[in-house]
Amino acid sequence: MTSIYNESDFGGSFLDNLTINVNLTGANDNDSSTQIDPKCQAIFDDLGPPPPMFDITWRYVLSCLLFIFPCLTMLGNVMVIVAVLTHKRLQTVTNAFVVSLAVADIMVAILVMPFGIYQQYNNKVWNLGRQWCLITTSFDVMFTTTSIFNLSCLAIDRYLAICRPFIHERLSRPVVIVMLSICWVVPVFISFLPIMNNWNHIGIEDYIECVFPESDETHCGFVVNKAYAVVCSLIAFYIPTVFIVICNVHIFSAARTQAKQIRSLELSAHQHHRRGKLKHETKAAKTVGIIMGCFFICWFPFFIFNIIDPFIGYRIPYTLWTIALWLGYINSMLNPFLYYNFNRHYKMAFRRLLSCKVCRGISEFRDDVVPSTLYTDLSHSNSANSHSCLHTNGANRHSIQGGHVNNNVEL
């Protein structure tokens, strides 16, 4: 997704050229070559400022800085996929959606970010043709929507694991495949289908004709009408956001309630297992919640601009659009770092990959580090077993001394 403004490299922006023509018209009304259609003049008068122009040094520095983001995005998300493929412990239903999210982020790094860098380096000049502009714009919309759909599936998975554990245990492979298919197929209908058919231009044809004439192919702007802005933003961001927030509210409410119930009871063996499982699921839900929170923070400014701009006459400055857009792109880079910091199994898997233990064939189970909580629980369990053995042995000694032998005691 890109802003509506684009500039040429040497002659300034299309808007700048028209502004010069307007001034010339005011100075010499008899020169018909400088006349501008009054309809276009009214549109230009309401537009915001044109994009900033940079010299070659600043463009080189800016492009080098931006180039870091797709590289880190590729590296981090490839590690996520390899970690899941090479570690049995990570091959779960939840991580199927994590891998799908990582694939979407990799596609952003390959098919979206480089063209944004290309435009920044060329001062927003586009020399790759109108058709490829539409394709890259469609990819941008598609992968953004795919990401949030995968996050919605993660929210469903965590909700079932915490609130409906018996249903979650029956979450079969065909169901997961259907959910993943929805995550990738539905976004096509709000990206490639309307954009390639110019449905987002319906009702604003005069604006497109004046600002982005078909005869000028040196720009790659993405302009949407009010209907497309509302529908696309609702499907791609706002409705999934509300859904995910509701799921997380139920998750943490149920986790808190179950934790209180478990603490109020004497822990039998089954309850002890349930507490450990609940703690694991709740921690996983917190990790997913952090990932979703970062997604919302990164993409919220863009989708606010996206839904407001058509209603205010496309007056949001290009610089704000660019910052909001790249903030959204950076989200694709953040997820692997979040997995590393907030998920113990991913941290172990990443360390094994970086230390080449996977290449050397060292089993992941040899690297297990017993958590302190588990160690404490095992200590209590062993202590309880020791006391039980002492009591049993004492009872046996008394029985033998008294001439009574318990034949049911297994020594």
Protein backbone atom coordinates (compact mmCIF):
# COMPACT_ATOMS: atom_id res chain seq x y z
CA MET A 1 0.00 0.00 0.00
CA THR A 2 1.41 3.37 -0.96
CA SER A 3 0.54 7.01 -0.80
CA ILE A 4 -1.09 8.80 -3.69
CA TYR A 5 1.82 11.16 -4.37
CA ASN A 6 4.77 10.38 -6.61
CA GLU A 7 7.53 12.54 -8.14
CA SER A 8 9.73 12.50 -11.20
CA ASP A 9 13.48 12.47 -10.74
CA PHE A 10 14.53 15.64 -12.55
CA GLY A 11 11.48 17.70 -13.33
CA GLY A 12 9.82 17.62 -9.93
CA SER A 13 6.44 16.08 -9.22
CA PHE A 14 3.51 16.09 -11.55
CA LEU A 15 1.84 18.41 -9.07
CA ASP A 16 4.85 20.73 -9.07
CA ASN A 17 4.76 20.94 -12.87
CA LEU A 18 1.08 21.78 -12.80
CA THR A 19 1.65 24.39 -10.12
CA ILE A 20 4.29 26.01 -12.31
CA ASN A 21 1.83 25.96 -15.19
CA VAL A 22 -0.78 27.63 -13.01
CA ASN A 23 1.64 30.42 -12.13
CA LEU A 24 2.58 30.85 -15.75
CA THR A 25 -1.08 31.02 -16.62
CA GLY A 26 -1.55 33.82 -14.16
CA ALA A 27 1.39 35.68 -15.66
CA ASN A 28 0.43 35.21 -19.28
CA ASP A 29 -3.22 34.47 -19.93
CA ASN A 30 -2.65 34.50 -23.70
CA ASP A 31 -0.42 31.39 -23.65
CA SER A 32 -2.82 28.53 -24.28
CA SER A 33 -0.12 25.88 -23.72
CA THR A 34 -0.15 26.61 -20.00
CA GLN A 35 -3.89 26.37 -19.53
CA ILE A 36 -5.15 23.81 -16.99
CA ASP A 37 -8.59 22.27 -16.87
CA PRO A 38 -10.56 24.13 -14.15
CA LYS A 39 -11.78 20.76 -12.88
CA CYS A 40 -8.19 19.65 -12.27
CA GLN A 41 -7.26 23.04 -10.85
CA ALA A 42 -9.90 22.64 -8.13
CA ILE A 43 -8.51 19.19 -7.28
CA PHE A 44 -4.92 20.45 -7.08
CA ASP A 45 -5.92 23.31 -4.81
CA ASP A 46 -7.27 20.85 -2.22
CA LEU A 47 -4.30 18.46 -2.21
CA GLY A 48 -1.68 18.32 0.51
CA PRO A 49 2.01 19.16 0.00
CA PRO A 50 4.03 17.13 -2.55
CA PRO A 51 6.59 14.53 -1.45
CA PRO A 52 10.05 15.73 -0.39
CA MET A 53 12.89 15.54 -2.90
CA PHE A 54 16.29 14.15 -1.85
CA ASP A 55 19.69 14.36 -3.47
CA ILE A 56 21.58 11.21 -4.44
CA THR A 57 23.50 11.02 -1.13
CA TRP A 58 20.39 11.07 1.05
CA ARG A 59 18.62 8.63 -1.24
CA TYR A 60 21.54 6.21 -0.99
CA VAL A 61 21.69 6.47 2.82
CA LEU A 62 17.91 6.09 3.19
CA SER A 63 17.83 3.08 0.86
CA CYS A 64 20.67 1.36 2.74
CA LEU A 65 18.84 1.84 6.05
CA LEU A 66 15.58 0.54 4.65
CA PHE A 67 17.37 -2.44 3.08
CA ILE A 68 18.12 -3.73 6.59
CA PHE A 69 14.43 -4.44 7.22
CA PRO A 70 13.79 -7.00 4.43
CA CYS A 71 17.10 -8.73 5.21
CA LEU A 72 16.25 -9.16 8.91
CA THR A 73 12.68 -10.10 8.01
CA MET A 74 13.91 -12.86 5.70
CA LEU A 75 16.49 -14.16 8.17
CA GLY A 76 14.18 -14.20 11.20
CA ASN A 77 11.16 -15.77 9.53
CA VAL A 78 13.21 -18.40 7.69
CA MET A 79 14.62 -19.40 11.08
CA VAL A 80 11.07 -19.72 12.44
CA ILE A 81 10.10 -22.07 9.62
CA VAL A 82 13.30 -24.13 9.87
CA ALA A 83 12.91 -24.36 13.67
CA VAL A 84 9.42 -25.81 13.33
CA LEU A 85 10.47 -28.24 10.59
CA THR A 86 13.49 -29.54 12.54
CA HIS A 87 12.09 -29.69 16.11
CA LYS A 88 9.36 -32.17 17.01
CA ARG A 89 8.38 -30.14 20.06
CA LEU A 90 7.36 -27.20 17.87
CA GLN A 91 5.25 -29.22 15.44
CA THR A 92 1.87 -28.32 16.93
CA VAL A 93 -1.43 -26.92 15.66
CA THR A 94 -0.55 -23.47 16.96
CA ASN A 95 2.76 -23.41 15.10
CA ALA A 96 1.04 -24.30 11.83
CA PHE A 97 -0.46 -20.80 11.93
CA VAL A 98 2.88 -19.37 13.07
CA VAL A 99 4.58 -20.87 10.00
CA SER A 100 1.83 -19.51 7.75
CA LEU A 101 2.34 -16.07 9.30
CA ALA A 102 6.10 -16.38 8.74
CA VAL A 103 5.54 -17.23 5.06
CA ALA A 104 3.36 -14.12 4.66
CA ASP A 105 6.08 -12.00 6.29
CA ILE A 106 8.71 -13.48 3.97
CA MET A 107 6.54 -12.59 0.98
CA VAL A 108 6.38 -9.01 2.27
CA ALA A 109 10.19 -8.97 2.45
CA ILE A 110 10.54 -10.34 -1.11
CA LEU A 111 7.63 -8.87 -3.07
CA VAL A 112 6.73 -5.65 -1.26
CA MET A 113 9.59 -4.02 0.66
CA PRO A 114 12.13 -3.99 -2.21
CA PHE A 115 9.79 -1.99 -4.44
CA GLY A 116 9.19 0.51 -1.64
CA ILE A 117 12.96 0.93 -1.38
CA TYR A 118 13.16 1.24 -5.16
CA GLN A 119 10.71 4.15 -5.12
CA GLN A 120 12.51 5.89 -2.27
CA TYR A 121 15.83 5.59 -4.08
CA ASN A 122 14.36 6.94 -7.34
CA ASN A 123 12.53 9.83 -5.65
CA LYS A 124 9.22 8.04 -6.21
CA VAL A 125 9.81 7.52 -9.93
CA TRP A 126 8.41 4.21 -11.21
CA ASN A 127 10.01 2.75 -14.35
CA LEU A 128 8.69 -0.81 -14.11
CA GLY A 129 5.39 -0.35 -15.91
CA ARG A 130 1.79 0.18 -14.84
CA GLN A 131 0.93 -3.53 -14.73
CA TRP A 132 3.71 -4.44 -12.32
CA CYS A 133 2.70 -1.48 -10.15
CA LEU A 134 -0.79 -2.98 -9.80
CA ILE A 135 0.67 -6.41 -9.03
CA THR A 136 3.00 -5.19 -6.28
CA THR A 137 0.20 -3.10 -4.76
CA SER A 138 -2.05 -6.18 -4.77
CA PHE A 139 0.67 -8.21 -3.05
CA ASP A 140 0.93 -5.51 -0.40
CA VAL A 141 -2.78 -5.61 0.41
CA MET A 142 -2.94 -9.40 0.19
CA PHE A 143 -0.06 -10.22 2.55
CA THR A 144 -1.16 -7.64 5.10
CA THR A 145 -4.61 -9.22 5.18
CA THR A 146 -3.14 -12.73 5.27
CA SER A 147 -1.08 -11.80 8.32
CA ILE A 148 -4.01 -10.60 10.37
CA PHE A 149 -6.12 -13.59 9.27
CA ASN A 150 -3.37 -15.88 10.57
CA LEU A 151 -3.37 -13.93 13.83
CA SER A 152 -7.13 -14.47 14.03
CA CYS A 153 -6.57 -18.23 13.66
CA LEU A 154 -3.94 -18.06 16.41
CA ALA A 155 -6.50 -16.35 18.63
CA ILE A 156 -9.04 -19.11 17.88
CA ASP A 157 -6.44 -21.78 18.67
CA ARG A 158 -5.55 -20.20 22.02
CA TYR A 159 -9.22 -19.64 22.87
CA LEU A 160 -10.00 -23.32 22.29
CA ALA A 161 -6.89 -24.45 24.20
CA ILE A 162 -7.85 -22.40 27.28
CA CYS A 163 -11.64 -22.23 27.19
CA ARG A 164 -12.61 -25.34 25.20
CA PRO A 165 -9.73 -27.83 25.68
CA PHE A 166 -11.74 -30.88 24.61
CA ILE A 167 -12.67 -29.23 21.31
CA HIS A 168 -9.05 -28.14 20.85
CA GLU A 169 -7.85 -31.73 21.21
CA ARG A 170 -10.13 -32.69 18.32
CA LEU A 171 -8.77 -29.95 16.05
CA SER A 172 -7.81 -32.20 13.15
CA ARG A 173 -5.44 -31.64 10.25
CA PRO A 174 -8.25 -31.13 7.67
CA VAL A 175 -9.77 -28.39 9.83
CA VAL A 176 -6.40 -26.65 10.14
CA ILE A 177 -5.87 -26.90 6.37
CA VAL A 178 -9.28 -25.30 5.75
CA MET A 179 -8.46 -22.47 8.18
CA LEU A 180 -5.10 -21.85 6.50
CA SER A 181 -6.73 -21.90 3.06
CA ILE A 182 -9.18 -19.21 4.18
CA CYS A 183 -6.24 -17.11 5.41
CA TRP A 184 -4.68 -17.16 1.92
CA VAL A 185 -7.67 -17.27 -0.44
CA VAL A 186 -10.00 -14.63 1.03
CA PRO A 187 -7.36 -11.82 0.87
CA VAL A 188 -7.21 -12.30 -2.92
CA PHE A 189 -10.78 -11.00 -3.17
CA ILE A 190 -9.89 -7.66 -1.55
CA SER A 191 -6.52 -7.26 -3.26
CA PHE A 192 -5.99 -8.65 -6.76
CA LEU A 193 -9.65 -8.79 -7.79
CA PRO A 194 -10.60 -5.13 -7.14
CA ILE A 195 -7.19 -3.57 -7.78
CA MET A 196 -6.50 -5.29 -11.12
CA ASN A 197 -10.01 -4.29 -12.26
CA ASN A 198 -9.66 -0.70 -10.96
CA TRP A 199 -12.73 -1.06 -8.74
CA ASN A 200 -10.97 1.16 -6.21
CA HIS A 201 -11.19 4.03 -8.77
CA ILE A 202 -14.96 3.94 -9.21
CA GLY A 203 -16.39 7.36 -8.44
CA ILE A 204 -13.03 9.15 -8.43
CA GLU A 205 -12.21 8.89 -12.14
CA ASP A 206 -11.80 12.67 -12.47
CA TYR A 207 -9.31 12.71 -9.64
CA ILE A 208 -7.28 9.85 -11.16
CA GLU A 209 -7.35 11.50 -14.60
CA CYS A 210 -5.97 14.75 -13.24
CA VAL A 211 -3.40 13.52 -10.70
CA PHE A 212 -2.34 10.21 -12.27
CA PRO A 213 -3.04 10.39 -16.02
CA GLU A 214 -2.62 7.15 -17.96
CA SER A 215 -0.11 8.82 -20.26
CA ASP A 216 2.31 9.21 -17.33
CA GLU A 217 3.70 5.80 -16.28
CA THR A 218 6.46 7.17 -14.05
CA HIS A 219 4.36 6.85 -10.91
CA CYS A 220 2.97 4.00 -8.82
CA GLY A 221 0.33 5.45 -6.57
CA PHE A 222 -2.47 3.65 -4.79
CA VAL A 223 -5.66 5.69 -4.60
CA VAL A 224 -8.90 4.25 -3.23
CA ASN A 225 -12.46 5.50 -3.19
CA LYS A 226 -14.49 5.72 0.00
CA ALA A 227 -16.28 2.40 -0.47
CA TYR A 228 -13.07 0.44 -1.03
CA ALA A 229 -11.32 2.19 1.86
CA VAL A 230 -14.11 1.27 4.28
CA VAL A 231 -14.68 -2.31 3.07
CA CYS A 232 -11.00 -3.19 2.77
CA SER A 233 -10.10 -1.68 6.14
CA LEU A 234 -12.99 -3.44 7.87
CA ILE A 235 -12.14 -6.86 6.41
CA ALA A 236 -8.36 -6.57 6.62
CA PHE A 237 -8.03 -4.89 10.01
CA TYR A 238 -10.92 -3.60 12.09
CA ILE A 239 -13.23 -6.66 12.22
CA PRO A 240 -10.33 -9.11 12.87
CA THR A 241 -9.01 -6.72 15.52
CA VAL A 242 -12.30 -6.68 17.39
CA PHE A 243 -12.57 -10.47 17.07
CA ILE A 244 -9.03 -11.02 18.38
CA VAL A 245 -9.54 -8.65 21.31
CA ILE A 246 -12.74 -10.46 22.32
CA CYS A 247 -10.96 -13.84 22.12
CA ASN A 248 -8.09 -12.61 24.28
CA VAL A 249 -10.46 -11.15 26.87
CA HIS A 250 -12.16 -14.55 27.17
CA ILE A 251 -8.78 -16.33 27.26
CA PHE A 252 -7.34 -14.39 30.16
CA SER A 253 -10.64 -14.30 32.03
CA ALA A 254 -10.95 -18.10 31.78
CA ALA A 255 -7.29 -18.60 32.71
CA ARG A 256 -7.67 -16.45 35.81
CA THR A 257 -10.86 -18.24 36.86
CA GLN A 258 -9.35 -21.69 36.39
CA ALA A 259 -6.18 -20.72 38.24
CA LYS A 260 -8.24 -19.60 41.23
CA GLN A 261 -10.25 -22.82 41.19
CA ILE A 262 -7.13 -24.95 41.08
CA ARG A 263 -5.47 -23.04 43.94
CA SER A 264 -8.58 -23.49 46.09
CA LEU A 265 -8.44 -27.30 45.83
CA GLU A 266 -5.97 -29.84 47.13
CA LEU A 267 -3.82 -30.85 44.19
CA SER A 268 -4.42 -34.42 43.24
CA ALA A 269 -2.31 -36.00 40.49
CA HIS A 270 -4.88 -35.06 37.85
CA GLN A 271 -5.19 -31.51 39.16
CA HIS A 272 -1.42 -31.15 39.25
CA HIS A 273 -1.23 -32.15 35.59
CA ARG A 274 -4.07 -29.79 34.75
CA ARG A 275 -2.31 -26.91 36.49
CA GLY A 276 0.88 -27.53 34.51
CA LYS A 277 -1.06 -27.72 31.23
CA LEU A 278 -3.01 -24.57 32.07
CA LYS A 279 0.19 -22.71 32.89
CA HIS A 280 1.71 -23.78 29.57
CA GLU A 281 -1.37 -22.80 27.56
CA THR A 282 -1.69 -19.46 29.37
CA LYS A 283 1.94 -18.60 28.69
CA ALA A 284 1.45 -19.46 25.03
CA ALA A 285 -1.65 -17.25 24.98
CA LYS A 286 0.36 -14.37 26.46
CA THR A 287 2.99 -14.77 23.74
CA VAL A 288 0.30 -14.71 21.07
CA GLY A 289 -1.26 -11.66 22.76
CA ILE A 290 2.07 -9.80 22.63
CA ILE A 291 2.48 -10.66 18.94
CA MET A 292 -1.04 -9.41 18.19
CA GLY A 293 -0.47 -6.26 20.22
CA CYS A 294 2.64 -5.42 18.22
CA PHE A 295 0.74 -6.02 14.99
CA PHE A 296 -1.99 -3.58 16.02
CA ILE A 297 0.49 -0.92 17.13
CA CYS A 298 2.44 -1.19 13.87
CA TRP A 299 -0.53 -1.20 11.49
CA PHE A 300 -3.04 0.98 13.35
CA PRO A 301 -1.66 4.36 12.05
CA PHE A 302 -1.79 3.17 8.45
CA PHE A 303 -5.36 1.89 8.62
CA ILE A 304 -6.49 5.08 10.35
CA PHE A 305 -5.01 7.09 7.45
CA ASN A 306 -6.39 4.62 4.92
CA ILE A 307 -9.98 5.06 6.04
CA ILE A 308 -9.81 8.81 6.71
CA ASP A 309 -7.89 10.07 3.66
CA PRO A 310 -10.65 9.58 1.01
CA PHE A 311 -13.11 11.47 3.21
CA ILE A 312 -10.85 14.52 3.61
CA GLY A 313 -9.87 14.85 -0.05
CA TYR A 314 -6.54 12.95 0.10
CA ARG A 315 -4.82 15.62 2.16
CA ILE A 316 -2.67 13.46 4.45
CA PRO A 317 1.00 14.38 3.74
CA TYR A 318 3.18 11.89 1.89
CA THR A 319 5.73 11.77 4.74
CA LEU A 320 3.12 10.59 7.24
CA TRP A 321 1.93 7.95 4.76
CA THR A 322 5.49 6.67 4.30
CA ILE A 323 6.19 6.47 8.04
CA ALA A 324 2.91 4.65 8.70
CA LEU A 325 3.53 2.26 5.81
CA TRP A 326 7.07 1.30 6.85
CA LEU A 327 5.97 0.95 10.47
CA GLY A 328 3.57 -1.71 9.21
CA TYR A 329 6.31 -3.39 7.19
CA ILE A 330 8.60 -3.50 10.23
CA ASN A 331 6.01 -5.65 11.99
CA SER A 332 6.95 -8.50 9.63
CA MET A 333 10.47 -8.30 11.04
CA LEU A 334 9.45 -8.23 14.72
CA ASN A 335 7.66 -11.57 15.12
CA PRO A 336 10.77 -13.84 15.21
CA PHE A 337 12.32 -11.62 17.89
CA LEU A 338 9.11 -11.89 19.92
CA TYR A 339 9.16 -15.68 19.64
CA TYR A 340 12.78 -15.72 20.83
CA ASN A 341 12.12 -13.49 23.83
CA PHE A 342 8.80 -14.91 25.01
CA ASN A 343 8.81 -18.60 24.03
CA ARG A 344 11.31 -20.97 25.67
CA HIS A 345 11.02 -23.67 23.01
CA TYR A 346 11.66 -21.22 20.16
CA LYS A 347 14.61 -19.76 22.05
CA MET A 348 16.14 -23.23 22.43
CA ALA A 349 15.44 -24.04 18.77
CA PHE A 350 17.03 -20.79 17.54
CA ARG A 351 20.11 -21.38 19.67
CA ARG A 352 20.42 -24.91 18.33
CA LEU A 353 20.19 -23.63 14.76
CA LEU A 354 22.74 -20.87 15.31
CA SER A 355 25.16 -23.28 17.01
CA CYS A 356 24.72 -25.85 14.19
CA LYS A 357 23.59 -28.56 16.60
CA VAL A 358 20.84 -29.47 14.15
CA CYS A 359 23.43 -29.92 11.39
CA ARG A 360 25.48 -32.18 13.67
CA GLY A 361 22.46 -34.34 14.41
CA ILE A 362 22.31 -33.59 18.16
CA SER A 363 18.86 -34.47 19.49
CA GLU A 364 16.75 -31.59 20.77
CA PHE A 365 15.88 -33.59 23.87
CA ARG A 366 19.52 -33.62 24.98
CA ASP A 367 19.38 -29.83 25.27
CA ASP A 368 16.39 -29.76 27.62
CA VAL A 369 16.73 -27.30 30.45
CA VAL A 370 14.40 -28.10 33.33
CA PRO A 371 12.51 -24.93 34.28
CA SER A 372 12.75 -23.84 37.90
CA THR A 373 9.02 -24.29 38.43
CA LEU A 374 9.13 -27.82 37.06
CA TYR A 375 12.23 -28.57 39.14
CA THR A 376 10.44 -27.34 42.22
CA ASP A 377 7.39 -29.45 41.44
CA LEU A 378 9.56 -32.51 40.87
CA SER A 379 11.38 -31.88 44.15
CA HIS A 380 8.10 -31.68 46.02
CA SER A 381 6.92 -34.83 44.26
CA ASN A 382 10.12 -36.72 45.12
CA SER A 383 9.95 -35.48 48.69
CA ALA A 384 6.37 -36.65 48.98
CA ASN A 385 7.32 -40.01 47.50
CA SER A 386 10.18 -40.33 49.98
CA HIS A 387 7.88 -39.63 52.91
CA SER A 388 5.42 -42.13 51.49
CA CYS A 389 8.15 -44.75 51.19
CA LEU A 390 9.30 -44.14 54.76
CA HIS A 391 5.79 -44.54 56.08
CA THR A 392 5.30 -47.67 53.99
CA ASN A 393 8.56 -49.20 55.15
CA GLY A 394 7.76 -48.37 58.74
CA ALA A 395 4.36 -49.97 58.41
CA ASN A 396 5.92 -53.02 56.85
CA ARG A 397 8.44 -53.36 59.69
CA HIS A 398 5.65 -53.15 62.23
CA SER A 399 3.68 -55.75 60.32
CA ILE A 400 6.61 -58.13 60.17
CA GLN A 401 7.40 -57.62 63.83
CA GLY A 402 3.82 -58.33 64.71
CA GLY A 403 3.82 -61.47 62.63
CA HIS A 404 1.48 -60.01 60.01
CA VAL A 405 2.72 -59.75 56.44
CA ASN A 406 0.86 -57.65 53.85
CA ASN A 407 1.04 -59.74 50.69
CA ASN A 408 -0.37 -56.86 48.62
CA VAL A 409 2.66 -54.63 49.20
CA GLU A 410 4.90 -54.69 46.13
CA LEU A 411 8.53 -54.39 47.21
